[in-house]
Structures are given as C-alpha cells and as structure tokens.
N, C-alpha and C. Protein backbone atom coordinates (compact mmCIF):
# COMPACT_ATOMS: atom_id res chain seq x y z
N UNK A 1 161.94 160.71 82.03
CA UNK A 1 161.80 161.76 81.62
C UNK A 1 161.71 162.77 82.63
N UNK A 2 162.48 163.53 83.09
CA UNK A 2 162.65 164.13 83.94
C UNK A 2 162.76 165.68 84.01
N UNK A 3 163.78 166.13 84.64
CA UNK A 3 164.30 167.55 84.53
C UNK A 3 165.17 167.51 83.71
N UNK A 4 165.83 166.25 83.24
CA UNK A 4 167.12 166.31 82.42
C UNK A 4 166.25 166.95 80.81
N UNK A 5 164.91 166.67 80.53
CA UNK A 5 164.58 166.71 79.28
C UNK A 5 164.21 168.35 79.65
N UNK A 6 163.69 168.96 80.75
CA UNK A 6 163.50 170.32 80.55
C UNK A 6 164.72 171.50 80.58
N UNK A 7 165.70 170.72 80.71
CA UNK A 7 166.98 171.37 80.76
C UNK A 7 167.42 171.48 79.45
N UNK A 8 167.03 170.19 78.52
CA UNK A 8 167.78 170.02 77.62
C UNK A 8 166.80 171.06 76.54
N UNK A 9 165.40 171.24 77.03
CA UNK A 9 164.60 171.95 76.07
C UNK A 9 165.14 173.30 76.11
N UNK A 10 165.27 173.92 77.57
CA UNK A 10 165.89 175.21 77.50
C UNK A 10 167.14 175.85 77.01
N UNK A 11 167.77 174.70 76.96
CA UNK A 11 169.42 174.93 76.54
C UNK A 11 169.65 174.19 75.19
N UNK A 12 168.86 174.43 74.19
CA UNK A 12 169.07 173.66 73.13
C UNK A 12 169.91 174.29 72.26
N UNK A 13 171.10 173.39 71.74
CA UNK A 13 172.10 174.36 71.12
C UNK A 13 171.95 174.56 69.67
N UNK A 14 170.69 174.31 69.07
CA UNK A 14 170.10 175.03 67.92
C UNK A 14 169.99 176.10 67.81
N UNK A 15 169.36 176.66 69.05
CA UNK A 15 169.08 178.14 69.02
C UNK A 15 170.64 179.02 69.42
N UNK A 16 171.37 178.07 69.89
CA UNK A 16 172.63 179.29 70.29
C UNK A 16 173.38 179.11 68.81
N UNK A 17 173.55 177.98 67.80
CA UNK A 17 174.31 177.80 66.62
C UNK A 17 173.59 178.38 65.50
N UNK A 18 172.43 179.23 65.32
CA UNK A 18 171.50 179.44 64.64
C UNK A 18 172.00 180.72 63.75
N UNK A 19 172.12 180.91 62.54
CA UNK A 19 172.86 182.27 61.89
C UNK A 19 171.96 183.25 61.95
N UNK A 20 172.70 184.37 61.60
CA UNK A 20 172.18 185.65 61.99
C UNK A 20 171.46 186.02 60.85
N UNK A 21 170.35 187.27 61.65
CA UNK A 21 169.51 187.74 60.40
C UNK A 21 168.08 187.16 60.50
N UNK A 22 167.03 187.59 59.70
CA UNK A 22 166.27 186.84 59.40
C UNK A 22 166.00 185.29 59.42
N UNK A 23 167.13 184.53 58.94
CA UNK A 23 167.38 183.23 58.93
C UNK A 23 167.41 182.89 60.62
N UNK A 24 167.96 183.35 60.89
CA UNK A 24 168.47 183.41 62.66
C UNK A 24 167.15 183.56 63.27
N UNK A 25 166.40 184.48 63.44
CA UNK A 25 165.32 184.30 63.89
C UNK A 25 164.36 183.39 63.56
N UNK A 26 164.18 183.00 62.00
CA UNK A 26 163.18 181.73 61.82
C UNK A 26 163.64 180.57 62.21
N UNK A 27 164.94 180.31 62.35
CA UNK A 27 165.50 179.13 63.35
C UNK A 27 165.00 179.32 64.24
N UNK A 28 165.08 180.38 65.17
CA UNK A 28 164.71 180.26 66.40
C UNK A 28 163.65 180.22 66.63
N UNK A 29 162.63 180.86 66.03
CA UNK A 29 160.94 180.70 66.22
C UNK A 29 160.50 178.99 65.71
N UNK A 30 161.16 178.44 64.53
CA UNK A 30 161.13 176.98 64.44
C UNK A 30 161.25 176.16 65.91
N UNK A 31 162.54 176.41 66.58
CA UNK A 31 163.37 175.90 67.82
C UNK A 31 162.06 175.70 68.74
N UNK A 32 161.77 177.28 69.24
CA UNK A 32 160.99 177.31 70.16
C UNK A 32 159.41 176.79 70.00
N UNK A 33 158.88 176.67 68.80
CA UNK A 33 157.75 176.28 68.47
C UNK A 33 158.06 174.36 68.79
N UNK A 34 158.82 173.96 68.45
CA UNK A 34 159.12 172.61 68.80
C UNK A 34 159.32 172.33 70.08
N UNK A 35 160.19 173.22 70.69
CA UNK A 35 159.98 173.35 72.04
C UNK A 35 158.74 173.10 73.06
N UNK A 36 157.82 173.94 72.29
CA UNK A 36 156.70 174.09 73.07
C UNK A 36 155.82 173.03 72.76
N UNK A 37 155.83 172.38 71.58
CA UNK A 37 154.72 171.07 71.35
C UNK A 37 155.64 170.04 71.91
N UNK A 38 156.77 170.00 72.02
CA UNK A 38 157.32 169.01 73.18
C UNK A 38 156.80 169.23 74.85
N UNK A 39 156.93 170.20 75.13
CA UNK A 39 156.17 170.40 76.64
C UNK A 39 154.82 170.42 76.36
N UNK A 40 154.06 170.86 75.55
CA UNK A 40 152.40 170.56 75.61
C UNK A 40 152.33 169.10 75.54
N UNK A 41 153.28 168.43 74.75
CA UNK A 41 152.80 166.59 74.59
C UNK A 41 153.26 166.09 76.08
N UNK A 42 154.05 166.58 76.84
CA UNK A 42 154.63 166.24 78.09
C UNK A 42 153.49 166.56 79.19
N UNK A 43 153.22 167.58 79.13
CA UNK A 43 152.23 168.35 79.87
C UNK A 43 150.79 167.35 79.61
N UNK A 44 150.51 167.33 78.41
CA UNK A 44 149.13 165.85 78.10
C UNK A 44 149.46 164.86 78.68
N UNK A 45 150.54 164.23 78.78
CA UNK A 45 150.92 162.88 79.16
C UNK A 45 150.72 163.24 80.60
N UNK A 46 151.31 164.06 81.21
CA UNK A 46 151.00 163.99 82.82
C UNK A 46 149.96 164.10 83.29
N UNK A 47 148.46 164.83 82.37
CA UNK A 47 147.40 164.69 83.01
C UNK A 47 146.79 163.70 82.62
N UNK A 48 147.34 163.09 81.54
CA UNK A 48 146.55 161.62 81.62
C UNK A 48 147.10 160.62 82.58
N UNK A 49 148.33 160.69 83.04
CA UNK A 49 148.90 159.92 84.29
C UNK A 49 148.27 160.11 85.55
N UNK A 50 148.00 161.51 85.66
CA UNK A 50 147.29 162.03 86.88
C UNK A 50 145.59 161.58 86.78
N UNK A 51 145.09 161.45 85.70
CA UNK A 51 143.54 161.23 85.35
C UNK A 51 143.63 159.50 85.71
N UNK A 52 144.89 158.63 85.33
CA UNK A 52 145.03 156.95 85.13
C UNK A 52 145.07 156.52 87.08
N UNK A 53 146.07 157.98 87.66
CA UNK A 53 146.26 157.23 89.05
C UNK A 53 145.17 158.32 90.05
N UNK A 54 144.39 158.67 89.47
CA UNK A 54 142.71 159.54 90.24
C UNK A 54 143.67 160.15 91.26
N UNK A 55 144.66 161.12 90.69
CA UNK A 55 145.03 162.12 91.24
C UNK A 55 144.47 163.63 90.89
N UNK A 56 144.45 164.39 91.67
CA UNK A 56 143.88 165.88 91.07
C UNK A 56 144.71 166.00 89.77
N UNK A 57 144.19 166.25 88.87
CA UNK A 57 144.57 166.56 87.60
C UNK A 57 145.65 168.11 87.66
N UNK A 58 146.89 168.39 86.81
CA UNK A 58 147.60 169.49 86.63
C UNK A 58 146.57 170.59 85.93
N UNK A 59 146.82 171.85 86.38
CA UNK A 59 146.14 172.56 85.98
C UNK A 59 146.13 172.97 84.50
N UNK A 60 144.94 173.38 83.91
CA UNK A 60 144.82 173.29 82.40
C UNK A 60 145.81 174.50 82.13
N UNK A 61 145.83 174.86 80.37
CA UNK A 61 146.37 175.91 79.76
C UNK A 61 145.53 177.43 79.91
N UNK A 62 146.13 178.40 80.33
CA UNK A 62 144.91 179.62 80.08
C UNK A 62 144.71 179.88 78.81
N UNK A 63 143.49 180.53 78.83
CA UNK A 63 142.96 180.55 77.37
C UNK A 63 143.45 181.80 76.70
N UNK A 64 143.80 181.75 75.49
CA UNK A 64 144.59 182.85 74.90
C UNK A 64 143.61 183.97 74.30
N UNK A 65 143.69 185.48 74.94
CA UNK A 65 143.15 186.50 74.86
C UNK A 65 143.26 187.31 73.53
N UNK A 66 142.43 187.79 72.96
CA UNK A 66 142.80 188.76 71.46
C UNK A 66 142.81 188.11 70.44
N UNK A 67 143.03 188.70 69.28
CA UNK A 67 143.08 188.28 68.02
C UNK A 67 143.94 186.94 67.73
N UNK A 68 144.28 186.23 66.56
CA UNK A 68 144.82 185.29 66.48
C UNK A 68 146.17 186.47 65.54
N UNK A 69 147.39 186.16 66.00
CA UNK A 69 148.66 187.21 65.41
C UNK A 69 149.93 186.08 65.46
N UNK A 70 150.56 186.50 64.68
CA UNK A 70 152.39 185.68 64.94
C UNK A 70 153.02 185.99 66.18
N UNK A 71 153.34 185.40 66.98
CA UNK A 71 154.07 185.47 68.21
C UNK A 71 155.35 186.10 68.12
N UNK A 72 155.86 186.69 68.55
CA UNK A 72 157.21 187.48 68.63
C UNK A 72 158.41 186.48 69.57
N UNK A 73 159.89 186.70 69.32
CA UNK A 73 160.68 185.58 69.97
C UNK A 73 160.11 185.81 71.52
N UNK A 74 160.18 186.81 72.10
CA UNK A 74 159.94 187.11 73.60
C UNK A 74 158.86 186.46 73.76
N UNK A 75 157.78 186.51 73.31
CA UNK A 75 156.50 185.86 73.52
C UNK A 75 156.54 184.18 73.60
N UNK A 76 157.22 183.80 72.64
CA UNK A 76 157.54 182.38 72.03
C UNK A 76 158.23 181.68 73.72
N UNK A 77 159.09 182.57 73.98
CA UNK A 77 159.99 182.24 75.01
C UNK A 77 159.27 182.17 76.40
N UNK A 78 158.45 183.14 76.52
CA UNK A 78 157.50 183.23 78.01
C UNK A 78 156.48 181.97 77.95
N UNK A 79 156.11 182.05 76.92
CA UNK A 79 155.38 180.25 76.79
C UNK A 79 156.19 179.13 77.04
N UNK A 80 157.22 179.12 76.32
CA UNK A 80 157.86 177.99 76.73
C UNK A 80 158.49 177.73 77.95
N UNK A 81 158.92 178.97 78.99
CA UNK A 81 159.20 179.26 80.03
C UNK A 81 157.89 178.55 80.98
N UNK A 82 156.90 179.19 80.65
CA UNK A 82 155.58 179.28 81.30
C UNK A 82 155.30 177.31 81.61
N UNK A 83 155.25 176.81 80.37
CA UNK A 83 155.06 175.36 80.18
C UNK A 83 155.66 174.42 80.69
N UNK A 84 157.19 175.02 80.61
CA UNK A 84 158.30 174.03 81.70
C UNK A 84 157.98 174.05 83.04
N UNK A 85 157.10 175.58 83.47
CA UNK A 85 157.41 175.45 85.15
C UNK A 85 155.92 174.67 85.42
N UNK A 86 154.96 174.88 84.48
CA UNK A 86 153.67 173.82 84.58
C UNK A 86 153.92 172.45 84.56
N UNK A 87 154.91 171.93 83.75
CA UNK A 87 155.55 170.69 83.87
C UNK A 87 156.04 170.07 85.05
N UNK A 88 156.93 170.78 85.30
CA UNK A 88 157.52 170.71 86.84
C UNK A 88 156.66 170.55 87.71
N UNK A 89 155.65 171.59 87.97
CA UNK A 89 154.73 171.48 88.96
C UNK A 89 153.70 170.14 88.70
N UNK A 90 153.38 169.69 87.76
CA UNK A 90 152.66 168.69 87.37
C UNK A 90 153.40 167.33 87.62
N UNK A 91 154.49 167.41 87.40
CA UNK A 91 155.64 166.52 87.88
C UNK A 91 155.42 166.18 89.43
N UNK A 92 155.52 167.01 90.14
CA UNK A 92 155.89 167.13 91.31
C UNK A 92 154.48 166.66 92.06
N UNK A 93 153.54 167.21 91.44
CA UNK A 93 152.09 166.86 91.86
C UNK A 93 151.88 165.19 91.88
N UNK A 94 151.97 164.71 90.60
CA UNK A 94 152.13 163.52 90.48
C UNK A 94 152.78 162.52 91.40
N UNK A 95 154.61 163.12 91.76
CA UNK A 95 155.37 162.47 92.75
C UNK A 95 154.91 162.46 94.26
N UNK A 96 153.84 163.24 94.55
CA UNK A 96 153.55 163.63 95.90
C UNK A 96 152.29 162.64 95.83
N UNK A 97 151.41 162.86 94.58
CA UNK A 97 150.14 161.71 94.69
C UNK A 97 150.51 160.11 94.73
N UNK A 98 151.40 160.03 94.15
CA UNK A 98 151.95 158.46 94.21
C UNK A 98 152.43 158.30 95.20
N UNK A 99 153.29 159.10 96.17
CA UNK A 99 153.76 158.78 97.38
C UNK A 99 152.71 158.79 98.30
N UNK A 100 151.93 159.48 98.10
CA UNK A 100 150.58 159.39 99.26
C UNK A 100 150.16 157.87 99.14
N UNK A 101 149.83 157.81 97.68
CA UNK A 101 148.97 156.39 97.43
C UNK A 101 149.94 155.07 97.96
N UNK A 102 150.96 155.28 98.07
CA UNK A 102 152.22 154.36 98.51
C UNK A 102 152.01 153.97 100.03
N UNK A 103 151.87 155.24 100.60
CA UNK A 103 151.85 155.28 101.77
C UNK A 103 150.57 154.86 102.69
N UNK A 104 149.23 155.29 101.70
CA UNK A 104 148.07 154.38 102.16
C UNK A 104 147.91 152.82 101.97
N UNK A 105 148.76 152.33 100.79
CA UNK A 105 148.92 150.72 100.62
C UNK A 105 149.65 150.21 101.68
N UNK A 106 150.73 151.12 102.10
CA UNK A 106 151.69 150.75 103.40
C UNK A 106 150.58 150.25 104.54
N UNK A 107 149.82 151.45 104.81
CA UNK A 107 148.72 151.27 105.68
C UNK A 107 147.91 150.06 105.82
N UNK A 108 147.23 150.02 104.85
CA UNK A 108 146.40 149.07 104.30
C UNK A 108 146.95 147.40 104.90
N UNK A 109 148.30 147.37 104.49
CA UNK A 109 149.03 145.92 104.63
C UNK A 109 149.08 145.90 106.20
N UNK A 110 149.57 146.86 106.89
CA UNK A 110 149.64 146.94 108.30
C UNK A 110 148.25 146.45 109.01
N UNK A 111 147.26 147.31 108.69
CA UNK A 111 145.76 147.19 108.86
C UNK A 111 145.49 145.51 108.49
N UNK A 112 145.73 144.91 107.84
CA UNK A 112 145.43 143.32 107.60
C UNK A 112 146.20 142.59 108.45
N UNK A 113 147.58 142.72 108.76
CA UNK A 113 148.27 141.97 109.71
C UNK A 113 148.17 142.35 111.21
N UNK A 114 147.51 143.46 111.74
CA UNK A 114 147.26 143.63 113.00
C UNK A 114 145.87 144.30 113.03
N UNK A 115 144.67 144.32 112.49
CA UNK A 115 143.55 144.84 112.51
C UNK A 115 143.48 145.30 113.93
N UNK A 116 143.99 145.05 115.04
CA UNK A 116 143.26 145.20 116.46
C UNK A 116 144.15 146.84 116.69
N UNK A 117 145.28 146.70 116.11
CA UNK A 117 146.04 148.32 116.19
C UNK A 117 145.49 149.29 115.38
N UNK A 118 144.84 149.05 114.47
CA UNK A 118 144.08 150.09 113.64
C UNK A 118 142.41 150.10 113.68
N UNK A 119 142.01 150.36 114.88
CA UNK A 119 140.65 150.19 115.21
C UNK A 119 139.75 151.46 114.53
N UNK A 120 138.61 150.94 113.99
CA UNK A 120 138.15 151.95 112.76
C UNK A 120 138.69 152.74 112.24
N UNK A 121 139.94 152.39 111.61
CA UNK A 121 140.72 152.94 110.62
C UNK A 121 140.16 152.81 109.09
N UNK A 122 139.71 153.73 108.29
CA UNK A 122 139.14 153.74 106.88
C UNK A 122 139.75 154.27 105.77
N UNK A 123 140.51 153.60 105.01
CA UNK A 123 140.93 153.95 103.67
C UNK A 123 140.21 153.68 102.36
N UNK A 124 139.81 154.47 101.71
CA UNK A 124 138.97 154.64 100.47
C UNK A 124 139.58 153.84 99.55
N UNK A 125 138.87 153.21 98.19
CA UNK A 125 139.81 152.69 97.37
C UNK A 125 140.45 154.01 96.29
N UNK A 126 139.63 155.11 96.54
CA UNK A 126 140.07 155.97 96.04
C UNK A 126 141.54 156.80 96.11
N UNK A 127 141.79 156.66 97.49
CA UNK A 127 142.82 156.84 98.26
C UNK A 127 143.81 155.96 97.59
N UNK A 128 143.81 154.75 97.62
CA UNK A 128 144.66 153.56 96.85
C UNK A 128 145.04 153.62 95.62
N UNK A 129 144.08 154.60 94.84
CA UNK A 129 144.13 154.60 93.47
C UNK A 129 143.64 153.54 92.58
N UNK A 130 142.65 152.99 93.35
CA UNK A 130 141.85 151.73 92.71
C UNK A 130 140.24 152.57 91.79
N UNK A 131 139.79 151.71 91.12
CA UNK A 131 138.77 152.16 90.60
C UNK A 131 137.44 152.01 92.00
N UNK A 132 136.46 152.45 91.64
CA UNK A 132 135.46 152.36 92.50
C UNK A 132 135.33 153.18 93.59
N UNK A 133 134.27 153.05 94.46
CA UNK A 133 133.79 153.89 95.47
C UNK A 133 134.14 153.14 96.77
N UNK A 134 134.43 152.07 97.05
CA UNK A 134 134.41 151.24 98.28
C UNK A 134 135.48 151.67 99.10
N UNK A 135 135.80 150.74 100.10
CA UNK A 135 136.74 151.24 101.55
C UNK A 135 137.03 150.27 102.26
N UNK A 136 138.13 150.18 102.75
CA UNK A 136 138.64 149.32 103.30
C UNK A 136 138.59 149.97 104.79
N UNK A 137 137.93 149.06 105.77
CA UNK A 137 137.82 149.69 107.18
C UNK A 137 137.91 148.13 108.19
N UNK A 138 138.64 148.75 109.18
CA UNK A 138 138.98 147.96 110.26
C UNK A 138 137.31 147.99 111.16
N UNK A 139 136.49 146.71 111.69
CA UNK A 139 135.82 146.84 112.60
C UNK A 139 135.80 145.64 113.24
N UNK A 140 134.90 145.67 114.45
CA UNK A 140 134.81 144.45 115.44
C UNK A 140 134.28 143.57 114.41
N UNK A 141 134.75 142.44 114.92
CA UNK A 141 133.56 141.21 114.39
C UNK A 141 132.63 140.83 115.38
N UNK A 142 131.35 140.48 114.76
CA UNK A 142 130.30 140.46 115.85
C UNK A 142 129.80 141.24 116.54
N UNK A 143 130.06 142.73 116.13
CA UNK A 143 129.64 143.85 116.82
C UNK A 143 130.16 144.12 118.02
N UNK A 144 129.43 144.74 118.77
CA UNK A 144 129.55 145.36 120.28
C UNK A 144 130.27 143.81 120.93
N UNK A 145 129.89 142.83 120.85
CA UNK A 145 130.71 141.52 121.55
C UNK A 145 132.28 141.35 121.45
N UNK A 146 132.55 141.53 119.70
CA UNK A 146 133.88 141.38 119.30
C UNK A 146 134.64 142.79 119.74
N UNK A 147 133.83 143.77 119.89
CA UNK A 147 134.58 145.12 120.26
C UNK A 147 135.15 144.51 121.51
N UNK A 148 134.33 144.11 122.57
CA UNK A 148 134.65 143.89 123.76
C UNK A 148 135.52 143.03 124.03
N UNK A 149 135.55 141.95 123.18
CA UNK A 149 136.42 140.83 123.04
C UNK A 149 137.83 141.10 122.47
N UNK A 150 137.78 142.13 121.93
CA UNK A 150 139.15 142.52 120.96
C UNK A 150 139.05 141.68 119.66
N UNK A 151 138.04 141.44 119.13
CA UNK A 151 137.78 140.51 117.59
C UNK A 151 137.87 141.51 116.56
N UNK A 152 138.80 142.13 115.92
CA UNK A 152 138.37 143.01 114.93
C UNK A 152 139.02 142.30 113.37
N UNK A 153 138.33 143.16 112.77
CA UNK A 153 138.49 142.39 111.03
C UNK A 153 138.85 143.21 110.12
N UNK A 154 139.42 143.39 109.03
CA UNK A 154 139.36 144.51 107.76
C UNK A 154 138.43 144.00 106.70
N UNK A 155 137.53 144.92 106.57
CA UNK A 155 136.56 144.30 105.42
C UNK A 155 136.78 145.85 104.51
N UNK A 156 136.10 144.99 103.26
CA UNK A 156 136.06 145.94 102.28
C UNK A 156 134.42 146.28 101.91
N UNK A 157 133.96 147.15 101.72
CA UNK A 157 132.41 147.60 101.58
C UNK A 157 132.45 147.15 100.18
N UNK A 158 131.06 147.23 100.10
CA UNK A 158 130.71 146.66 98.58
C UNK A 158 130.95 148.09 97.51
N UNK A 159 130.96 149.02 97.90
CA UNK A 159 130.66 150.25 96.90
C UNK A 159 129.58 151.21 97.07
N UNK A 160 129.27 151.60 96.08
CA UNK A 160 128.46 153.06 96.22
C UNK A 160 127.11 152.23 96.35
N UNK A 161 126.17 153.00 97.31
CA UNK A 161 125.01 152.94 97.12
C UNK A 161 124.40 153.19 96.33
N UNK A 162 123.04 152.88 96.12
CA UNK A 162 122.10 153.14 95.15
C UNK A 162 122.16 154.54 94.88
N UNK A 163 122.20 155.05 93.34
CA UNK A 163 122.02 156.47 93.51
C UNK A 163 120.75 157.13 93.77
N UNK A 164 119.61 156.39 93.40
CA UNK A 164 118.25 156.90 94.06
C UNK A 164 117.74 156.08 95.16
N UNK A 165 118.50 155.36 95.83
CA UNK A 165 117.86 154.71 96.82
C UNK A 165 116.79 153.92 96.55
N UNK A 166 116.11 152.82 97.56
CA UNK A 166 115.24 152.01 97.12
C UNK A 166 113.77 153.17 97.74
N UNK A 167 112.83 153.55 96.66
CA UNK A 167 112.01 154.01 97.09
C UNK A 167 110.91 153.05 96.57
N UNK A 168 109.42 153.13 97.42
CA UNK A 168 108.33 152.32 97.10
C UNK A 168 107.52 152.86 95.60
N UNK A 169 107.12 152.10 94.87
CA UNK A 169 106.74 152.66 93.72
C UNK A 169 105.27 152.73 93.89
N UNK A 170 104.78 153.95 93.51
CA UNK A 170 103.28 154.09 93.48
C UNK A 170 102.39 153.38 92.68
N UNK A 171 101.34 152.48 92.99
CA UNK A 171 100.74 152.13 92.02
C UNK A 171 99.75 152.72 91.56
N UNK A 172 99.76 152.73 90.10
CA UNK A 172 98.50 153.84 89.49
C UNK A 172 97.38 153.60 90.15
N UNK A 173 96.35 154.47 90.17
CA UNK A 173 95.12 154.33 90.52
C UNK A 173 94.22 154.11 89.57
N UNK A 174 93.13 153.62 89.54
CA UNK A 174 92.50 153.51 88.39
C UNK A 174 90.96 154.06 88.33
N UNK A 175 90.61 155.03 87.74
CA UNK A 175 89.27 155.82 87.87
C UNK A 175 88.51 154.82 86.67
N UNK A 176 86.92 154.59 86.94
CA UNK A 176 86.10 153.88 86.42
C UNK A 176 85.29 154.84 85.47
C-alpha cells in the first residue's frame, strides 16, 4: 500500500463515469465518502504502526467546528485531498523512522564487533525500536585501568531506575 493506492483513490473511475444530475451527485458523494473512509482507515493503520515502532505518531485530525451539516462535493474533495496529503506525510515519517532505526541497529552491530572504535557511544532501546528504557553503551572494562589498557566492552543497562528512588521510611513515633 503505497502511493499507488493514493493515485487510485484520487482518480477513481466511478466518479468519471457517473450519470448526470442528482444521481451523479449522489454517486460522486458516495464515492468520495468511500475514499475518505479508506484514507482514514489507512491513516489509522499508519498511526498504529508508528506506535508499535515507537516513532513519533502522525498528526491527528483537526476538530470540526460548527454545527452538523451535509458537506457539499467541494468540501468532501477538500477533506479527501487533506487526508491523502496527511497519509503521504505519515508514511514518509514512518519510512524515515524505520531508516533511522536500521542505522542505529547497524551502529550497534559495529559497536559489538569493535568496541574500542566506538568509545562511550550510547544507543537507547527506544532508538532501536525496542521496548523498555535500557541503553547499549561502550564502556571501559575495569574502569580507569581498562580505559588506560584499551579494554572496552558493550553493556546493556538494566533499564529504568526506581520511580521514587530508595528512601528511608520514617518509623512512626509512639506516644504513651
């Protein structure tokens, strides 16, 4: 489902071959509503994909202002064109996010092969599209001694620190 779907939606032959008069307007209205429904469905699918890939979500629909009314053909075409543009932008954003995740995964692979060439490089799990809040980092083995000797290793942090941290609990005082 790419730009071919958008082209097919925008150049639907059903609109071009519709009969004239009121029947033509009703057929065009039906076709436009079907196209809008299809585009909204694909935009929702792009939103879910962005959420699953942990990429910034595409922009949501603008709220309709005013009272409920029947839209004319021009307004339906404008909504369809706006949805097609938003869907195209959302797919481009998803492709860019997926390409960035692929670059980060490639960097992680290079870090694991040659940790000494990537000193102190850090990649979060979120950047890789993985769940959790851990991070891969190249660190010296055995601290300062390892840094001086050139002993580097790739480690994965354990994840999020405690939300509240560790606090000492106050013991309740007893009064007699």
